[in-house]
Every structure is written in structure tokens, then in C-alpha cells.
C-alpha atoms as a PDB file:
ATOM      1  CA  MET A   1     168.839 104.853 -70.617  1.00  0.00           C
ATOM      2  CA  THR A   2     168.547 104.895 -66.346  1.00  0.00           C
ATOM      3  CA  ILE A   3     166.609 107.469 -64.579  1.00  0.00           C
ATOM      4  CA  ARG A   4     169.967 108.888 -63.443  1.00  0.00           C
ATOM      5  CA  LYS A   5     171.898 108.807 -66.629  1.00  0.00           C
ATOM      6  CA  TYR A   6     168.858 110.296 -67.931  1.00  0.00           C
ATOM      7  CA  ALA A   7     168.322 112.924 -65.577  1.00  0.00           C
ATOM      8  CA  SER A   8     172.124 113.681 -65.894  1.00  0.00           C
ATOM      9  CA  LEU A   9     171.886 114.217 -69.424  1.00  0.00           C
ATOM     10  CA  LEU A  10     168.648 116.984 -69.486  1.00  0.00           C
ATOM     11  CA  LEU A  11     170.615 118.633 -66.532  1.00  0.00           C
ATOM     12  CA  SER A  12     173.789 118.847 -69.298  1.00  0.00           C
ATOM     13  CA  SER A  13     171.704 120.298 -71.590  1.00  0.00           C
ATOM     14  CA  SER A  14     169.488 121.954 -69.670  1.00  0.00           C
ATOM     15  CA  VAL A  15     172.744 124.011 -68.628  1.00  0.00           C
ATOM     16  CA  ALA A  16     173.941 124.341 -71.843  1.00  0.00           C
ATOM     17  CA  GLY A  17     170.595 126.152 -73.016  1.00  0.00           C
ATOM     18  CA  LEU A  18     170.866 128.328 -70.332  1.00  0.00           C
ATOM     19  CA  MET A  19     174.860 129.559 -71.005  1.00  0.00           C
ATOM     20  CA  LEU A  20     173.658 129.875 -74.743  1.00  0.00           C
ATOM     21  CA  ALA A  21     170.326 131.562 -73.811  1.00  0.00           C
ATOM     22  CA  GLY A  22     173.112 133.794 -71.393  1.00  0.00           C
ATOM     23  CA  CYS A  23     174.448 134.560 -74.184  1.00  0.00           C
ATOM     24  CA  SER A  24     171.954 135.952 -75.870  1.00  0.00           C
ATOM     25  CA  ALA A  25     170.322 137.595 -73.279  1.00  0.00           C
ATOM     26  CA  ALA A  26     173.691 139.840 -72.783  1.00  0.00           C
ATOM     27  CA  ASP A  27     173.805 140.590 -76.379  1.00  0.00           C
ATOM     28  CA  ARG A  28     169.888 141.882 -76.201  1.00  0.00           C
ATOM     29  CA  ILE A  29     170.524 143.742 -73.117  1.00  0.00           C
ATOM     30  CA  ALA A  30     172.902 145.370 -74.312  1.00  0.00           C
ATOM     31  CA  ASP A  31     171.180 146.599 -77.699  1.00  0.00           C
ATOM     32  CA  ILE A  32     167.777 147.924 -75.640  1.00  0.00           C
ATOM     33  CA  GLY A  33     167.243 151.153 -77.348  1.00  0.00           C
ATOM     34  CA  SER A  34     169.117 150.701 -79.972  1.00  0.00           C
ATOM     35  CA  PRO A  35     167.721 149.454 -83.979  1.00  0.00           C
ATOM     36  CA  PRO A  36     168.383 146.285 -85.060  1.00  0.00           C
ATOM     37  CA  ALA A  37     172.199 146.654 -86.665  1.00  0.00           C
ATOM     38  CA  LEU A  38     172.391 146.447 -90.626  1.00  0.00           C
ATOM     39  CA  ALA A  39     174.848 144.125 -92.203  1.00  0.00           C
ATOM     40  CA  PRO A  40     177.911 145.816 -94.087  1.00  0.00           C
ATOM     41  CA  ILE A  41     178.138 145.903 -97.614  1.00  0.00           C
ATOM     42  CA  ALA A  42     180.853 143.259 -98.581  1.00  0.00           C
ATOM     43  CA  ASN A  43     181.555 140.558-101.017  1.00  0.00           C
ATOM     44  CA  PRO A  44     179.449 137.836-101.469  1.00  0.00           C
ATOM     45  CA  VAL A  45     181.872 135.593-102.654  1.00  0.00           C
ATOM     46  CA  ALA A  46     184.269 136.334 -99.390  1.00  0.00           C
ATOM     47  CA  GLN A  47     181.176 135.179 -96.272  1.00  0.00           C
ATOM     48  CA  PRO A  48     182.764 132.399 -94.291  1.00  0.00           C
ATOM     49  CA  ASN A  49     179.451 130.592 -95.342  1.00  0.00           C
ATOM     50  CA  TYR A  50     180.326 131.377 -99.721  1.00  0.00           C
ATOM     51  CA  GLN A  51     180.434 128.502-101.368  1.00  0.00           C
ATOM     52  CA  PRO A  52     181.296 128.220-105.541  1.00  0.00           C
ATOM     53  CA  VAL A  53     178.114 126.067-107.414  1.00  0.00           C
ATOM     54  CA  SER A  54     179.571 122.950-109.302  1.00  0.00           C
ATOM     55  CA  MET A  55     177.414 122.123-111.961  1.00  0.00           C
ATOM     56  CA  PRO A  56     177.767 119.472-115.015  1.00  0.00           C
ATOM     57  CA  THR A  57     177.578 121.655-118.139  1.00  0.00           C
ATOM     58  CA  GLU A  58     179.889 121.437-121.497  1.00  0.00           C
ATOM     59  CA  GLN A  59     182.648 123.784-121.848  1.00  0.00           C
ATOM     60  CA  SER A  60     181.847 127.848-123.715  1.00  0.00           C
ATOM     61  CA  GLN A  61     183.692 127.461-127.220  1.00  0.00           C
ATOM     62  CA  THR A  62     184.070 130.806-126.988  1.00  0.00           C
ATOM     63  CA  GLY A  63     187.791 132.207-128.298  1.00  0.00           C
ATOM     64  CA  PRO A  64     189.323 134.973-129.343  1.00  0.00           C
ATOM     65  CA  ARG A  65     188.844 137.266-131.821  1.00  0.00           C
ATOM     66  CA  SER A  66     190.085 137.131-135.778  1.00  0.00           C
ATOM     67  CA  ALA A  67     192.301 139.622-136.706  1.00  0.00           C
ATOM     68  CA  ASN A  68     190.676 142.383-138.857  1.00  0.00           C
ATOM     69  CA  SER A  69     187.041 141.280-137.023  1.00  0.00           C
ATOM     70  CA  LEU A  70     185.399 142.851-134.143  1.00  0.00           C
ATOM     71  CA  TRP A  71     183.230 139.309-134.327  1.00  0.00           C
ATOM     72  CA  THR A  72     184.171 136.938-131.515  1.00  0.00           C
ATOM     73  CA  PRO A  73     184.284 133.661-132.338  1.00  0.00           C
ATOM     74  CA  GLY A  74     181.031 132.233-129.814  1.00  0.00           C
ATOM     75  CA  ALA A  75     179.597 135.312-129.178  1.00  0.00           C
ATOM     76  CA  ARG A  76     176.209 135.203-129.119  1.00  0.00           C
ATOM     77  CA  SER A  77     175.529 138.778-131.140  1.00  0.00           C
ATOM     78  CA  PHE A  78     177.480 141.407-133.146  1.00  0.00           C
ATOM     79  CA  PHE A  79     176.099 144.587-130.699  1.00  0.00           C
ATOM     80  CA  HIS A  80     177.485 145.166-126.630  1.00  0.00           C
ATOM     81  CA  ASP A  81     174.610 143.367-124.615  1.00  0.00           C
ATOM     82  CA  PRO A  82     173.492 145.683-121.220  1.00  0.00           C
ATOM     83  CA  ARG A  83     172.945 142.533-119.646  1.00  0.00           C
ATOM     84  CA  ALA A  84     173.986 141.533-117.378  1.00  0.00           C
ATOM     85  CA  SER A  85     176.779 137.955-118.004  1.00  0.00           C
ATOM     86  CA  HIS A  86     179.880 138.817-116.195  1.00  0.00           C
ATOM     87  CA  VAL A  87     180.974 138.167-112.563  1.00  0.00           C
ATOM     88  CA  GLY A  88     180.474 141.591-110.204  1.00  0.00           C
ATOM     89  CA  ASP A  89     177.398 142.187-113.161  1.00  0.00           C
ATOM     90  CA  ILE A  90     174.048 143.725-110.968  1.00  0.00           C
ATOM     91  CA  ILE A  91     170.162 142.215-112.018  1.00  0.00           C
ATOM     92  CA  THR A  92     167.375 142.719-111.255  1.00  0.00           C
ATOM     93  CA  ILE A  93     165.163 139.974-109.346  1.00  0.00           C
ATOM     94  CA  ASN A  94     161.603 139.828-108.978  1.00  0.00           C
ATOM     95  CA  ILE A  95     160.455 137.915-106.946  1.00  0.00           C
ATOM     96  CA  SER A  96     156.322 136.647-106.357  1.00  0.00           C
ATOM     97  CA  VAL A  97     155.523 133.816-104.932  1.00  0.00           C
ATOM     98  CA  ALA A  98     151.349 132.967-103.930  1.00  0.00           C
ATOM     99  CA  ASP A  99     152.212 129.539-102.524  1.00  0.00           C
ATOM    100  CA  ALA A 100     148.874 127.703-100.892  1.00  0.00           C
ATOM    101  CA  ALA A 101     148.283 124.060 -99.841  1.00  0.00           C
ATOM    102  CA  LYS A 102     145.859 122.820 -98.213  1.00  0.00           C
ATOM    103  CA  LEU A 103     145.594 119.039 -96.600  1.00  0.00           C
ATOM    104  CA  GLN A 104     143.817 116.780 -94.409  1.00  0.00           C
ATOM    105  CA  ASP A 105     144.610 113.236 -93.504  1.00  0.00           C
ATOM    106  CA  THR A 106     142.757 110.751 -90.639  1.00  0.00           C
ATOM    107  CA  THR A 107     144.010 107.462 -89.910  1.00  0.00           C
ATOM    108  CA  SER A 108     142.213 104.810 -87.945  1.00  0.00           C
ATOM    109  CA  ARG A 109     143.278 101.689 -87.114  1.00  0.00           C
ATOM    110  CA  SER A 110     142.387  99.152 -84.636  1.00  0.00           C
ATOM    111  CA  ARG A 111     143.787  95.760 -83.399  1.00  0.00           C
ATOM    112  CA  ALA A 112     142.079  92.113 -81.370  1.00  0.00           C
ATOM    113  CA  ASN A 113     144.444  89.424 -80.165  1.00  0.00           C
ATOM    114  CA  SER A 114     142.925  86.396 -78.601  1.00  0.00           C
ATOM    115  CA  ASP A 115     144.831  82.871 -77.922  1.00  0.00           C
ATOM    116  CA  ASP A 116     144.247  79.896 -75.824  1.00  0.00           C
ATOM    117  CA  ALA A 117     145.924  77.053 -75.432  1.00  0.00           C
ATOM    118  CA  ASN A 118     145.781  73.391 -73.331  1.00  0.00           C
ATOM    119  CA  LEU A 119     146.543  70.116 -72.712  1.00  0.00           C
ATOM    120  CA  THR A 120     144.013  67.947 -71.589  1.00  0.00           C
ATOM    121  CA  ASN A 121     146.382  64.560 -72.288  1.00  0.00           C
ATOM    122  CA  PHE A 122     150.188  64.143 -73.453  1.00  0.00           C
ATOM    123  CA  PHE A 123     150.766  59.967 -72.622  1.00  0.00           C
ATOM    124  CA  GLY A 124     150.014  61.275 -68.568  1.00  0.00           C
ATOM    125  CA  LEU A 125     152.914  63.095 -68.805  1.00  0.00           C
ATOM    126  CA  GLU A 126     150.392  66.040 -68.168  1.00  0.00           C
ATOM    127  CA  SER A 127     150.210  65.527 -64.851  1.00  0.00           C
ATOM    128  CA  GLU A 128     153.226  66.341 -63.763  1.00  0.00           C
ATOM    129  CA  LEU A 129     152.401  70.100 -64.375  1.00  0.00           C
ATOM    130  CA  GLN A 130     150.281  69.805 -61.792  1.00  0.00           C
ATOM    131  CA  ASN A 131     153.086  68.126 -59.913  1.00  0.00           C
ATOM    132  CA  ALA A 132     155.818  70.975 -60.382  1.00  0.00           C
ATOM    133  CA  LEU A 133     153.122  73.853 -60.071  1.00  0.00           C
ATOM    134  CA  PRO A 134     150.241  72.283 -58.205  1.00  0.00           C
ATOM    135  CA  ASN A 135     148.355  75.475 -57.218  1.00  0.00           C
ATOM    136  CA  ALA A 136     148.758  77.075 -60.622  1.00  0.00           C
ATOM    137  CA  ALA A 137     149.537  74.697 -63.794  1.00  0.00           C
ATOM    138  CA  ASP A 138     145.889  73.717 -64.929  1.00  0.00           C
ATOM    139  CA  PRO A 139     146.454  71.469 -68.527  1.00  0.00           C
ATOM    140  CA  SER A 140     143.109  72.423 -69.623  1.00  0.00           C
ATOM    141  CA  SER A 141     144.021  76.382 -69.856  1.00  0.00           C
ATOM    142  CA  LEU A 142     147.900  76.228 -69.978  1.00  0.00           C
ATOM    143  CA  VAL A 143     147.722  79.188 -72.078  1.00  0.00           C
ATOM    144  CA  LYS A 144     145.154  81.942 -72.530  1.00  0.00           C
ATOM    145  CA  MET A 145     146.377  85.339 -74.235  1.00  0.00           C
ATOM    146  CA  GLY A 146     144.819  88.348 -75.437  1.00  0.00           C
ATOM    147  CA  SER A 147     145.348  92.137 -76.380  1.00  0.00           C
ATOM    148  CA  ASN A 148     143.374  94.962 -78.258  1.00  0.00           C
ATOM    149  CA  THR A 149     145.115  98.359 -79.910  1.00  0.00           C
ATOM    150  CA  SER A 150     143.768 100.697 -81.169  1.00  0.00           C
ATOM    151  CA  ASN A 151     145.150 104.571 -82.885  1.00  0.00           C
ATOM    152  CA  VAL A 152     143.274 106.985 -83.614  1.00  0.00           C
ATOM    153  CA  GLY A 153     145.314 110.059 -85.370  1.00  0.00           C
ATOM    154  CA  SER A 154     144.107 113.048 -87.691  1.00  0.00           C
ATOM    155  CA  GLY A 155     146.536 116.177 -89.147  1.00  0.00           C
ATOM    156  CA  SER A 156     145.485 119.124 -90.865  1.00  0.00           C
ATOM    157  CA  ILE A 157     147.331 121.645 -93.153  1.00  0.00           C
ATOM    158  CA  ASP A 158     146.294 125.202 -94.243  1.00  0.00           C
ATOM    159  CA  ARG A 159     148.878 127.369 -95.616  1.00  0.00           C
ATOM    160  CA  SER A 160     149.238 130.360 -97.852  1.00  0.00           C
ATOM    161  CA  GLU A 161     152.086 132.995 -98.592  1.00  0.00           C
ATOM    162  CA  ALA A 162     152.232 135.555-100.967  1.00  0.00           C
ATOM    163  CA  ILE A 163     155.526 137.658-101.764  1.00  0.00           C
ATOM    164  CA  ASN A 164     155.588 139.669-104.329  1.00  0.00           C
ATOM    165  CA  THR A 165     158.994 142.264-104.982  1.00  0.00           C
ATOM    166  CA  SER A 166     161.930 143.043-106.641  1.00  0.00           C
ATOM    167  CA  LEU A 167     165.417 143.476-105.378  1.00  0.00           C
ATOM    168  CA  ALA A 168     168.825 143.896-107.545  1.00  0.00           C
ATOM    169  CA  GLY A 169     171.113 140.823-107.389  1.00  0.00           C
ATOM    170  CA  ILE A 170     174.752 140.367-108.282  1.00  0.00           C
ATOM    171  CA  VAL A 171     176.728 138.036-110.776  1.00  0.00           C
ATOM    172  CA  THR A 172     178.556 135.388-108.646  1.00  0.00           C
ATOM    173  CA  GLN A 173     180.018 133.158-110.388  1.00  0.00           C
ATOM    174  CA  VAL A 174     179.984 132.279-114.821  1.00  0.00           C
ATOM    175  CA  LEU A 175     179.588 128.842-114.930  1.00  0.00           C
ATOM    176  CA  PRO A 176     181.503 126.708-117.787  1.00  0.00           C
ATOM    177  CA  ASN A 177     177.958 127.115-120.260  1.00  0.00           C
ATOM    178  CA  GLY A 178     176.976 130.269-119.665  1.00  0.00           C
ATOM    179  CA  ASN A 179     174.559 129.569-117.135  1.00  0.00           C
ATOM    180  CA  LEU A 180     175.519 133.026-114.579  1.00  0.00           C
ATOM    181  CA  VAL A 181     175.497 132.128-110.408  1.00  0.00           C
ATOM    182  CA  ILE A 182     173.372 134.580-109.129  1.00  0.00           C
ATOM    183  CA  SER A 183     172.797 136.311-104.941  1.00  0.00           C
ATOM    184  CA  GLY A 184     170.749 139.151-103.724  1.00  0.00           C
ATOM    185  CA  HIS A 185     170.071 140.589-100.374  1.00  0.00           C
ATOM    186  CA  GLN A 186     168.333 143.243 -99.106  1.00  0.00           C
ATOM    187  CA  GLN A 187     167.595 144.748 -96.057  1.00  0.00           C
ATOM    188  CA  VAL A 188     165.507 147.595 -94.834  1.00  0.00           C
ATOM    189  CA  ARG A 189     164.916 148.710 -91.263  1.00  0.00           C
ATOM    190  CA  VAL A 190     161.294 150.707 -89.898  1.00  0.00           C
ATOM    191  CA  ASN A 191     162.077 152.117 -86.606  1.00  0.00           C
ATOM    192  CA  TYR A 192     162.809 148.929 -84.879  1.00  0.00           C
ATOM    193  CA  GLU A 193     161.835 146.264 -87.194  1.00  0.00           C
ATOM    194  CA  LEU A 194     164.158 145.102 -89.485  1.00  0.00           C
ATOM    195  CA  ARG A 195     162.993 143.249 -92.883  1.00  0.00           C
ATOM    196  CA  ASP A 196     165.510 140.945 -94.559  1.00  0.00           C
ATOM    197  CA  LEU A 197     165.829 138.763 -97.960  1.00  0.00           C
ATOM    198  CA  GLN A 198     167.913 136.464 -99.602  1.00  0.00           C
ATOM    199  CA  ILE A 199     168.017 135.305-102.622  1.00  0.00           C
ATOM    200  CA  SER A 200     170.500 132.673-104.901  1.00  0.00           C
ATOM    201  CA  GLY A 201     170.451 130.886-107.730  1.00  0.00           C
ATOM    202  CA  ILE A 202     171.109 130.393-111.443  1.00  0.00           C
ATOM    203  CA  VAL A 203     169.780 131.297-114.796  1.00  0.00           C
ATOM    204  CA  ARG A 204     169.877 131.274-117.833  1.00  0.00           C
ATOM    205  CA  THR A 205     170.894 134.496-120.322  1.00  0.00           C
ATOM    206  CA  GLU A 206     168.164 133.918-122.311  1.00  0.00           C
ATOM    207  CA  ASP A 207     166.095 134.165-119.532  1.00  0.00           C
ATOM    208  CA  ILE A 208     167.064 137.447-118.642  1.00  0.00           C
ATOM    209  CA  THR A 209     165.257 140.693-119.835  1.00  0.00           C
ATOM    210  CA  SER A 210     166.417 143.267-122.417  1.00  0.00           C
ATOM    211  CA  ASP A 211     165.393 145.326-119.152  1.00  0.00           C
ATOM    212  CA  ASN A 212     168.277 142.991-117.238  1.00  0.00           C
ATOM    213  CA  THR A 213     165.122 141.054-115.147  1.00  0.00           C
ATOM    214  CA  VAL A 214     164.564 137.739-114.300  1.00  0.00           C
ATOM    215  CA  ASN A 215     161.551 136.204-112.562  1.00  0.00           C
ATOM    216  CA  LEU A 216     161.692 133.989-109.726  1.00  0.00           C
ATOM    217  CA  ASP A 217     160.338 130.886-111.904  1.00  0.00           C
ATOM    218  CA  GLN A 218     163.280 131.272-114.152  1.00  0.00           C
ATOM    219  CA  ILE A 219     165.900 130.332-111.037  1.00  0.00           C
ATOM    220  CA  ALA A 220     167.240 127.150-110.775  1.00  0.00           C
ATOM    221  CA  GLU A 221     167.608 125.827-107.871  1.00  0.00           C
ATOM    222  CA  ALA A 222     166.064 129.138-105.915  1.00  0.00           C
ATOM    223  CA  ARG A 223     166.611 129.737-102.656  1.00  0.00           C
ATOM    224  CA  VAL A 224     164.175 132.411-100.842  1.00  0.00           C
ATOM    225  CA  SER A 225     165.170 133.385 -97.674  1.00  0.00           C
ATOM    226  CA  TYR A 226     161.941 136.095 -96.413  1.00  0.00           C
ATOM    227  CA  GLY A 227     162.888 136.769 -92.603  1.00  0.00           C
ATOM    228  CA  GLY A 228     163.193 139.891 -90.287  1.00  0.00           C
ATOM    229  CA  ALA A 229     164.778 141.084 -86.502  1.00  0.00           C
ATOM    230  CA  GLY A 230     163.498 143.606 -83.872  1.00  0.00           C
ATOM    231  CA  GLN A 231     161.036 143.739 -80.810  1.00  0.00           C
ATOM    232  CA  ILE A 232     157.295 142.357 -82.560  1.00  0.00           C
ATOM    233  CA  MET A 233     159.053 139.229 -83.903  1.00  0.00           C
ATOM    234  CA  ASP A 234     160.994 138.830 -80.631  1.00  0.00           C
ATOM    235  CA  VAL A 235     157.762 138.762 -79.310  1.00  0.00           C
ATOM    236  CA  GLN A 236     156.165 136.020 -81.766  1.00  0.00           C
ATOM    237  CA  GLN A 237     159.343 133.550 -80.665  1.00  0.00           C
ATOM    238  CA  PRO A 238     158.935 130.850 -77.581  1.00  0.00           C
ATOM    239  CA  ARG A 239     161.481 131.753 -74.663  1.00  0.00           C
ATOM    240  CA  TYR A 240     164.032 129.638 -74.502  1.00  0.00           C
ATOM    241  CA  GLY A 241     163.162 127.900 -72.109  1.00  0.00           C
ATOM    242  CA  SER A 242     160.254 127.037 -74.233  1.00  0.00           C
ATOM    243  CA  GLN A 243     161.882 126.067 -76.587  1.00  0.00           C
ATOM    244  CA  LEU A 244     164.237 123.844 -75.140  1.00  0.00           C
ATOM    245  CA  TYR A 245     161.679 121.543 -73.015  1.00  0.00           C
ATOM    246  CA  ASP A 246     160.088 121.561 -76.512  1.00  0.00           C
ATOM    247  CA  ILE A 247     163.686 119.378 -77.892  1.00  0.00           C
ATOM    248  CA  LEU A 248     164.434 118.182 -74.638  1.00  0.00           C
ATOM    249  CA  MET A 249     160.719 116.163 -73.568  1.00  0.00           C
ATOM    250  CA  PRO A 250     160.192 112.598 -74.661  1.00  0.00           C
ATOM    251  CA  PHE A 251     156.719 112.460 -74.186  1.00  0.00           C
END
């Protein structure tokens, strides 16, 4: 890629980034003096990014009730189960995360190469090199190359997260084997700061306790998003120009 093409690409990307930043900035300017808006209560299935879950499962054998019998073939119990089991039922999700990771790596690499070649006697043809290149060719030292490479790298990660909270979710889908697809979304606004918590995943009905709760470590394919928005969160984020520079800068 030539310098002109690279400069053109950089300019186009910068203009596009400034246009996007301008649209976002206009919205933020319009919201000055107003707290972050809460999301409306909506059907999770009707959201544009909602996707039904499809898993390889065995078909449930539950059938119709027999004549003169309250028992349903394939039912798990005779009495009514108050735990969530149908689409639209509400379930309480206990989220407890206490993760810690500490990694440290150091890499050192070096290499030195040296090559020499000469051709002092080759049926008298070596003199032809001096005739062709009288000031450059020396049969006793035709090739002499050398290289040195050294790389040293180090890195460390020291991370810890701790989340302890609960929220109510809703059953959005019942899989053929009876497992439940759940989704929960909770927002809390304090002054001008908005906390946003989202979770989704798949649970077994056997893991739901008698008080209709389930723990995070019992949710398969769990997806947890814990974030927020507001004035403090905005100050902690790099400016749009800095983010664009970090993406486009090749060095």
C-alpha cells in the first residue's frame, strides 16, 4: 500500500469516525441535565436481537391425561409444582461471581548469523569476475553476510471480579427435553448513574429450588453482562479520537 493510499484510507476512516462521533455527541448534548433513560419493559422474544435456542435434545414423552385420571403420563410429580416450568414464568437468579486470575510471562529470544563464501580458483573463470567487475569482485571474499536478531517481551495479568446480586428472569423457551431457556434484565438508576445487568442461559428444572431460585453455576451457556452508563462512566472512557487513533495506528 502506497503512502498516498494509506493517507486516503486514514482520512476516510477519520471522517467516518468523526461523523459517527458527531451523531453520538449530538444525542449526548441533547441529554445534558437529564438522567440516563431506562429501557422500557418489553417482551424479550420481540427484541430485534433475540434468537431462539436450538439444542440437540430428546423429545419429551408427556402425553394427554388418561380417562378418569388426574395423572399425566410422563409428569414428574402428582402435585402442582410452583417452580418455573412454562414460557412466561418468572424465576429468581442468584449471581455470585468471585474470579481471580494472575498470569506473568517473560520471553527472550536471540539469533546471530554469519556467512562467508569465496571462489579463488574455478578453472580460471574466477578471473572473469575481475574483468567484469574490476573494482567490486574479490574471488577470496565473494559473499559475506551477517545478521543479529534479539527480542525480549514480558507481560502480566492481575485481574479479579466479584459480583453478588439477584434478579428475576423470565422463561422464554422450553426445549424438547424440558430444559428452560431463561432471560433476565435489570436496570437501577441512582442519581445520574445507571447500572445495567443482563443474564441469559439454559437451566434444568431439577436445579430449580423449591423457592423458585437457581444459581449462576447451574446455568448452561450463561451470558452475563454487568455494566452501566452515566457521567462517571463517561469520564472513565477514552475520547473518540483516542479510540480511533488506537485502532488505525499501525505502530
